[in-house]
Amino acid sequence: QPADQAEFTALKTQIQQLQKEVQQLKKQPTVEKEERKTAPKKTASTYRVPTERVYQVLSEATKDHLLSVKNVWEDLLMALPVTQRAMLKASEPMAAGPDLMLIAFDYEIVCQRADSSDELRLNMQNTLSMMIKGYTPEFVFITRESWPRLRQAFVSQHHDRPVAAETNETDDEITLIPEETNEVVEQAKSLFGDLVTIKDD
């Protein structure tokens, strides 16, 4: 039948076209592979921790400021837009002073996004100033994994003063009271001479 013959011819033509396309596709992958080899590799971007700013926060940090912030932290998150709240969900205030606050993030990529968002900083300041009257600190963002190293480095450089900052449970608690201990030892030596020995608990 003519209709069947026409369909058969059309089908045959389609098959021939498909075969040509398949042949062309077989040739293309080798070209793509070569292009991929020559394409430069993208290096993973890492967040640069603002060490000096961290030290500034720790220099002015007080326990009262940190406690005040922690008391309103959950309320602060709930007051922010959903996207900003999600960004701060895996974060924690680690130190706070009159003008600066240090916030640690669990994930580097989130820390990076937060640091580049002026809108987030502004919303946090406005909301915080309503919860803690007149308190509008500048925020310093770091990754949580960098916190122990930064804190320890600061303590090493400023061993003459205590650091009012959050410590991780896995880290050694930092207590800076060498001057008081030395005074007690000196007083004891003046009373009892060199018989005094110091025992660590």
C-alpha atoms as a PDB file:
ATOM      1  CA  GLN A   1       0.000   0.000   0.000  1.00  0.00           C
ATOM      2  CA  PRO A   2       1.217   3.511  -0.835  1.00  0.00           C
ATOM      3  CA  ALA A   3       0.584   4.811   2.714  1.00  0.00           C
ATOM      4  CA  ASP A   4       2.638   2.023   4.240  1.00  0.00           C
ATOM      5  CA  GLN A   5       5.377   2.603   1.682  1.00  0.00           C
ATOM      6  CA  ALA A   6       5.503   6.316   2.532  1.00  0.00           C
ATOM      7  CA  GLU A   7       5.722   5.589   6.276  1.00  0.00           C
ATOM      8  CA  PHE A   8       8.471   3.047   5.652  1.00  0.00           C
ATOM      9  CA  THR A   9      10.458   5.544   3.595  1.00  0.00           C
ATOM     10  CA  ALA A  10      10.052   8.244   6.261  1.00  0.00           C
ATOM     11  CA  LEU A  11      11.093   5.824   8.978  1.00  0.00           C
ATOM     12  CA  LYS A  12      14.129   4.750   6.974  1.00  0.00           C
ATOM     13  CA  THR A  13      15.133   8.387   6.508  1.00  0.00           C
ATOM     14  CA  GLN A  14      14.822   9.038  10.270  1.00  0.00           C
ATOM     15  CA  ILE A  15      16.956   6.002  11.037  1.00  0.00           C
ATOM     16  CA  GLN A  16      19.642   7.213   8.652  1.00  0.00           C
ATOM     17  CA  GLN A  17      19.606  10.660  10.281  1.00  0.00           C
ATOM     18  CA  LEU A  18      19.881   9.119  13.735  1.00  0.00           C
ATOM     19  CA  GLN A  19      22.807   6.978  12.596  1.00  0.00           C
ATOM     20  CA  LYS A  20      24.581  10.086  11.324  1.00  0.00           C
ATOM     21  CA  GLU A  21      23.975  11.873  14.660  1.00  0.00           C
ATOM     22  CA  VAL A  22      25.294   8.873  16.572  1.00  0.00           C
ATOM     23  CA  GLN A  23      28.444   8.874  14.452  1.00  0.00           C
ATOM     24  CA  GLN A  24      28.913  12.593  15.131  1.00  0.00           C
ATOM     25  CA  LEU A  25      28.346  12.126  18.859  1.00  0.00           C
ATOM     26  CA  LYS A  26      30.949   9.379  18.959  1.00  0.00           C
ATOM     27  CA  LYS A  27      33.505  11.820  17.612  1.00  0.00           C
ATOM     28  CA  GLN A  28      32.630  14.658  20.033  1.00  0.00           C
ATOM     29  CA  PRO A  29      33.502  13.178  23.467  1.00  0.00           C
ATOM     30  CA  THR A  30      37.208  12.998  22.640  1.00  0.00           C
ATOM     31  CA  VAL A  31      37.179  16.723  21.875  1.00  0.00           C
ATOM     32  CA  GLU A  32      35.366  17.484  25.137  1.00  0.00           C
ATOM     33  CA  LYS A  33      37.849  15.397  27.117  1.00  0.00           C
ATOM     34  CA  GLU A  34      40.734  17.274  25.572  1.00  0.00           C
ATOM     35  CA  GLU A  35      39.090  20.595  26.441  1.00  0.00           C
ATOM     36  CA  ARG A  36      38.544  19.436  30.008  1.00  0.00           C
ATOM     37  CA  LYS A  37      42.202  18.511  30.349  1.00  0.00           C
ATOM     38  CA  THR A  38      43.347  21.958  29.265  1.00  0.00           C
ATOM     39  CA  ALA A  39      40.757  23.823  31.368  1.00  0.00           C
ATOM     40  CA  PRO A  40      42.351  25.309  34.502  1.00  0.00           C
ATOM     41  CA  LYS A  41      41.351  23.719  37.778  1.00  0.00           C
ATOM     42  CA  LYS A  42      39.329  25.859  40.126  1.00  0.00           C
ATOM     43  CA  THR A  43      40.917  26.215  43.528  1.00  0.00           C
ATOM     44  CA  ALA A  44      38.595  26.011  46.515  1.00  0.00           C
ATOM     45  CA  SER A  45      38.119  29.412  48.092  1.00  0.00           C
ATOM     46  CA  THR A  46      38.841  29.524  51.795  1.00  0.00           C
ATOM     47  CA  TYR A  47      37.599  32.135  54.232  1.00  0.00           C
ATOM     48  CA  ARG A  48      40.337  34.414  55.492  1.00  0.00           C
ATOM     49  CA  VAL A  49      39.937  34.825  59.235  1.00  0.00           C
ATOM     50  CA  PRO A  50      40.395  38.477  60.338  1.00  0.00           C
ATOM     51  CA  THR A  51      42.922  37.712  63.090  1.00  0.00           C
ATOM     52  CA  GLU A  52      43.569  41.315  64.155  1.00  0.00           C
ATOM     53  CA  ARG A  53      39.834  42.006  64.453  1.00  0.00           C
ATOM     54  CA  VAL A  54      39.438  38.876  66.564  1.00  0.00           C
ATOM     55  CA  TYR A  55      42.157  40.147  68.908  1.00  0.00           C
ATOM     56  CA  GLN A  56      40.362  43.509  69.146  1.00  0.00           C
ATOM     57  CA  VAL A  57      37.173  41.753  70.249  1.00  0.00           C
ATOM     58  CA  LEU A  58      39.028  39.685  72.838  1.00  0.00           C
ATOM     59  CA  SER A  59      40.806  42.789  74.143  1.00  0.00           C
ATOM     60  CA  GLU A  60      37.525  44.475  75.041  1.00  0.00           C
ATOM     61  CA  ALA A  61      35.370  41.387  75.729  1.00  0.00           C
ATOM     62  CA  THR A  62      33.524  41.085  79.039  1.00  0.00           C
ATOM     63  CA  LYS A  63      31.532  38.209  80.492  1.00  0.00           C
ATOM     64  CA  ASP A  64      28.571  40.517  81.138  1.00  0.00           C
ATOM     65  CA  HIS A  65      28.333  41.466  77.477  1.00  0.00           C
ATOM     66  CA  LEU A  66      28.599  37.835  76.365  1.00  0.00           C
ATOM     67  CA  LEU A  67      25.922  36.705  78.834  1.00  0.00           C
ATOM     68  CA  SER A  68      23.609  39.517  77.727  1.00  0.00           C
ATOM     69  CA  VAL A  69      23.984  38.466  74.099  1.00  0.00           C
ATOM     70  CA  LYS A  70      23.492  34.766  74.861  1.00  0.00           C
ATOM     71  CA  ASN A  71      20.308  35.568  76.778  1.00  0.00           C
ATOM     72  CA  VAL A  72      18.703  37.170  73.708  1.00  0.00           C
ATOM     73  CA  TRP A  73      20.400  35.120  70.964  1.00  0.00           C
ATOM     74  CA  GLU A  74      17.451  32.809  70.206  1.00  0.00           C
ATOM     75  CA  ASP A  75      15.051  35.774  70.183  1.00  0.00           C
ATOM     76  CA  LEU A  76      17.407  37.627  67.849  1.00  0.00           C
ATOM     77  CA  LEU A  77      17.393  34.706  65.404  1.00  0.00           C
ATOM     78  CA  MET A  78      13.596  34.470  65.463  1.00  0.00           C
ATOM     79  CA  ALA A  79      13.289  38.194  64.710  1.00  0.00           C
ATOM     80  CA  LEU A  80      15.412  37.956  61.547  1.00  0.00           C
ATOM     81  CA  PRO A  81      14.096  37.034  58.066  1.00  0.00           C
ATOM     82  CA  VAL A  82      14.015  33.289  57.390  1.00  0.00           C
ATOM     83  CA  THR A  83      17.060  33.244  55.085  1.00  0.00           C
ATOM     84  CA  GLN A  84      19.193  35.209  57.560  1.00  0.00           C
ATOM     85  CA  ARG A  85      17.966  33.094  60.460  1.00  0.00           C
ATOM     86  CA  ALA A  86      19.012  29.958  58.577  1.00  0.00           C
ATOM     87  CA  MET A  87      22.443  31.481  57.997  1.00  0.00           C
ATOM     88  CA  LEU A  88      22.950  32.093  61.726  1.00  0.00           C
ATOM     89  CA  LYS A  89      21.373  28.837  62.913  1.00  0.00           C
ATOM     90  CA  ALA A  90      24.724  27.022  63.018  1.00  0.00           C
ATOM     91  CA  SER A  91      26.560  29.881  64.708  1.00  0.00           C
ATOM     92  CA  GLU A  92      27.305  31.005  68.253  1.00  0.00           C
ATOM     93  CA  PRO A  93      28.496  34.216  69.922  1.00  0.00           C
ATOM     94  CA  MET A  94      31.941  33.485  71.395  1.00  0.00           C
ATOM     95  CA  ALA A  95      32.960  36.873  72.813  1.00  0.00           C
ATOM     96  CA  ALA A  96      31.398  40.309  73.148  1.00  0.00           C
ATOM     97  CA  GLY A  97      32.427  43.752  74.301  1.00  0.00           C
ATOM     98  CA  PRO A  98      30.997  47.295  74.239  1.00  0.00           C
ATOM     99  CA  ASP A  99      31.677  47.806  70.513  1.00  0.00           C
ATOM    100  CA  LEU A 100      32.513  44.409  69.011  1.00  0.00           C
ATOM    101  CA  MET A 101      31.091  40.892  68.958  1.00  0.00           C
ATOM    102  CA  LEU A 102      32.697  37.651  67.768  1.00  0.00           C
ATOM    103  CA  ILE A 103      30.499  34.999  66.142  1.00  0.00           C
ATOM    104  CA  ALA A 104      31.723  31.514  65.172  1.00  0.00           C
ATOM    105  CA  PHE A 105      30.140  29.504  62.349  1.00  0.00           C
ATOM    106  CA  ASP A 106      30.125  25.724  61.981  1.00  0.00           C
ATOM    107  CA  TYR A 107      30.539  25.935  58.213  1.00  0.00           C
ATOM    108  CA  GLU A 108      33.110  28.002  56.337  1.00  0.00           C
ATOM    109  CA  ILE A 109      30.870  28.678  53.336  1.00  0.00           C
ATOM    110  CA  VAL A 110      28.105  30.059  55.581  1.00  0.00           C
ATOM    111  CA  CYS A 111      30.638  32.192  57.440  1.00  0.00           C
ATOM    112  CA  GLN A 112      31.784  33.590  54.107  1.00  0.00           C
ATOM    113  CA  ARG A 113      28.230  34.400  53.014  1.00  0.00           C
ATOM    114  CA  ALA A 114      27.412  36.066  56.323  1.00  0.00           C
ATOM    115  CA  ASP A 115      30.581  38.145  56.225  1.00  0.00           C
ATOM    116  CA  SER A 116      29.731  39.501  52.780  1.00  0.00           C
ATOM    117  CA  SER A 117      26.132  40.411  53.691  1.00  0.00           C
ATOM    118  CA  ASP A 118      25.805  44.046  54.799  1.00  0.00           C
ATOM    119  CA  GLU A 119      22.055  43.537  55.070  1.00  0.00           C
ATOM    120  CA  LEU A 120      22.535  40.770  57.638  1.00  0.00           C
ATOM    121  CA  ARG A 121      24.859  42.942  59.747  1.00  0.00           C
ATOM    122  CA  LEU A 122      22.410  45.859  59.654  1.00  0.00           C
ATOM    123  CA  ASN A 123      19.426  43.699  60.618  1.00  0.00           C
ATOM    124  CA  MET A 124      21.389  42.113  63.457  1.00  0.00           C
ATOM    125  CA  GLN A 125      22.446  45.520  64.806  1.00  0.00           C
ATOM    126  CA  ASN A 126      18.940  46.972  64.601  1.00  0.00           C
ATOM    127  CA  THR A 127      17.348  43.942  66.251  1.00  0.00           C
ATOM    128  CA  LEU A 128      20.017  43.660  68.938  1.00  0.00           C
ATOM    129  CA  SER A 129      19.726  47.355  69.833  1.00  0.00           C
ATOM    130  CA  MET A 130      16.022  46.811  70.598  1.00  0.00           C
ATOM    131  CA  MET A 131      16.729  43.774  72.779  1.00  0.00           C
ATOM    132  CA  ILE A 132      19.765  45.258  74.561  1.00  0.00           C
ATOM    133  CA  LYS A 133      19.111  48.981  74.696  1.00  0.00           C
ATOM    134  CA  GLY A 134      21.548  50.981  72.588  1.00  0.00           C
ATOM    135  CA  TYR A 135      23.833  47.996  71.926  1.00  0.00           C
ATOM    136  CA  THR A 136      24.963  48.031  68.277  1.00  0.00           C
ATOM    137  CA  PRO A 137      28.298  46.213  68.084  1.00  0.00           C
ATOM    138  CA  GLU A 138      30.253  45.530  64.923  1.00  0.00           C
ATOM    139  CA  PHE A 139      30.345  41.833  64.107  1.00  0.00           C
ATOM    140  CA  VAL A 140      33.453  39.762  63.463  1.00  0.00           C
ATOM    141  CA  PHE A 141      32.779  36.371  61.853  1.00  0.00           C
ATOM    142  CA  ILE A 142      35.081  33.350  62.151  1.00  0.00           C
ATOM    143  CA  THR A 143      34.889  29.599  61.615  1.00  0.00           C
ATOM    144  CA  ARG A 144      34.422  27.473  64.713  1.00  0.00           C
ATOM    145  CA  GLU A 145      37.460  25.331  63.906  1.00  0.00           C
ATOM    146  CA  SER A 146      39.705  28.414  63.952  1.00  0.00           C
ATOM    147  CA  TRP A 147      38.454  29.575  67.378  1.00  0.00           C
ATOM    148  CA  PRO A 148      40.644  27.459  69.737  1.00  0.00           C
ATOM    149  CA  ARG A 149      43.799  28.428  67.828  1.00  0.00           C
ATOM    150  CA  LEU A 150      42.906  32.142  67.770  1.00  0.00           C
ATOM    151  CA  ARG A 151      41.996  32.196  71.443  1.00  0.00           C
ATOM    152  CA  GLN A 152      45.162  30.368  72.461  1.00  0.00           C
ATOM    153  CA  ALA A 153      47.319  32.693  70.362  1.00  0.00           C
ATOM    154  CA  PHE A 154      45.703  35.716  72.001  1.00  0.00           C
ATOM    155  CA  VAL A 155      46.215  34.255  75.470  1.00  0.00           C
ATOM    156  CA  SER A 156      49.886  33.611  74.700  1.00  0.00           C
ATOM    157  CA  GLN A 157      50.371  37.226  73.660  1.00  0.00           C
ATOM    158  CA  HIS A 158      48.320  38.711  76.507  1.00  0.00           C
ATOM    159  CA  HIS A 159      49.080  36.359  79.397  1.00  0.00           C
ATOM    160  CA  ASP A 160      48.841  39.265  81.837  1.00  0.00           C
ATOM    161  CA  ARG A 161      45.053  39.496  81.581  1.00  0.00           C
ATOM    162  CA  PRO A 162      42.028  37.142  81.635  1.00  0.00           C
ATOM    163  CA  VAL A 163      39.970  36.485  78.515  1.00  0.00           C
ATOM    164  CA  ALA A 164      36.205  36.752  78.906  1.00  0.00           C
ATOM    165  CA  ALA A 165      35.221  34.459  76.059  1.00  0.00           C
ATOM    166  CA  GLU A 166      33.385  31.227  75.395  1.00  0.00           C
ATOM    167  CA  THR A 167      35.487  28.063  75.630  1.00  0.00           C
ATOM    168  CA  ASN A 168      34.689  24.756  73.963  1.00  0.00           C
ATOM    169  CA  GLU A 169      34.080  21.768  76.214  1.00  0.00           C
ATOM    170  CA  THR A 170      36.786  19.799  74.439  1.00  0.00           C
ATOM    171  CA  ASP A 171      39.361  22.515  75.018  1.00  0.00           C
ATOM    172  CA  ASP A 172      41.193  23.196  78.227  1.00  0.00           C
ATOM    173  CA  GLU A 173      39.507  25.903  80.244  1.00  0.00           C
ATOM    174  CA  ILE A 174      41.640  29.019  80.223  1.00  0.00           C
ATOM    175  CA  THR A 175      42.316  30.480  83.640  1.00  0.00           C
ATOM    176  CA  LEU A 176      44.743  33.326  83.854  1.00  0.00           C
ATOM    177  CA  ILE A 177      45.705  33.933  87.482  1.00  0.00           C
ATOM    178  CA  PRO A 178      49.504  33.624  87.530  1.00  0.00           C
ATOM    179  CA  GLU A 179      50.069  36.970  89.255  1.00  0.00           C
ATOM    180  CA  GLU A 180      47.846  36.108  92.234  1.00  0.00           C
ATOM    181  CA  THR A 181      49.494  32.701  92.587  1.00  0.00           C
ATOM    182  CA  ASN A 182      52.952  34.239  92.499  1.00  0.00           C
ATOM    183  CA  GLU A 183      52.007  36.759  95.195  1.00  0.00           C
ATOM    184  CA  VAL A 184      50.758  33.995  97.501  1.00  0.00           C
ATOM    185  CA  VAL A 185      53.931  31.966  96.921  1.00  0.00           C
ATOM    186  CA  GLU A 186      56.162  34.970  97.640  1.00  0.00           C
ATOM    187  CA  GLN A 187      54.265  35.733 100.860  1.00  0.00           C
ATOM    188  CA  ALA A 188      54.601  32.121 101.962  1.00  0.00           C
ATOM    189  CA  LYS A 189      58.329  32.122 101.218  1.00  0.00           C
ATOM    190  CA  SER A 190      58.830  35.308 103.205  1.00  0.00           C
ATOM    191  CA  LEU A 191      57.123  33.639 106.181  1.00  0.00           C
ATOM    192  CA  PHE A 192      58.506  30.114 105.900  1.00  0.00           C
ATOM    193  CA  GLY A 193      61.633  30.466 103.767  1.00  0.00           C
ATOM    194  CA  ASP A 194      62.578  28.144 100.918  1.00  0.00           C
ATOM    195  CA  LEU A 195      60.882  25.176 102.591  1.00  0.00           C
ATOM    196  CA  VAL A 196      57.761  26.120 100.659  1.00  0.00           C
ATOM    197  CA  THR A 197      57.080  23.815  97.703  1.00  0.00           C
ATOM    198  CA  ILE A 198      54.360  24.359  95.132  1.00  0.00           C
ATOM    199  CA  LYS A 199      52.094  21.434  94.319  1.00  0.00           C
ATOM    200  CA  ASP A 200      49.701  21.497  91.361  1.00  0.00           C
ATOM    201  CA  ASP A 201      46.234  20.175  92.067  1.00  0.00           C
END
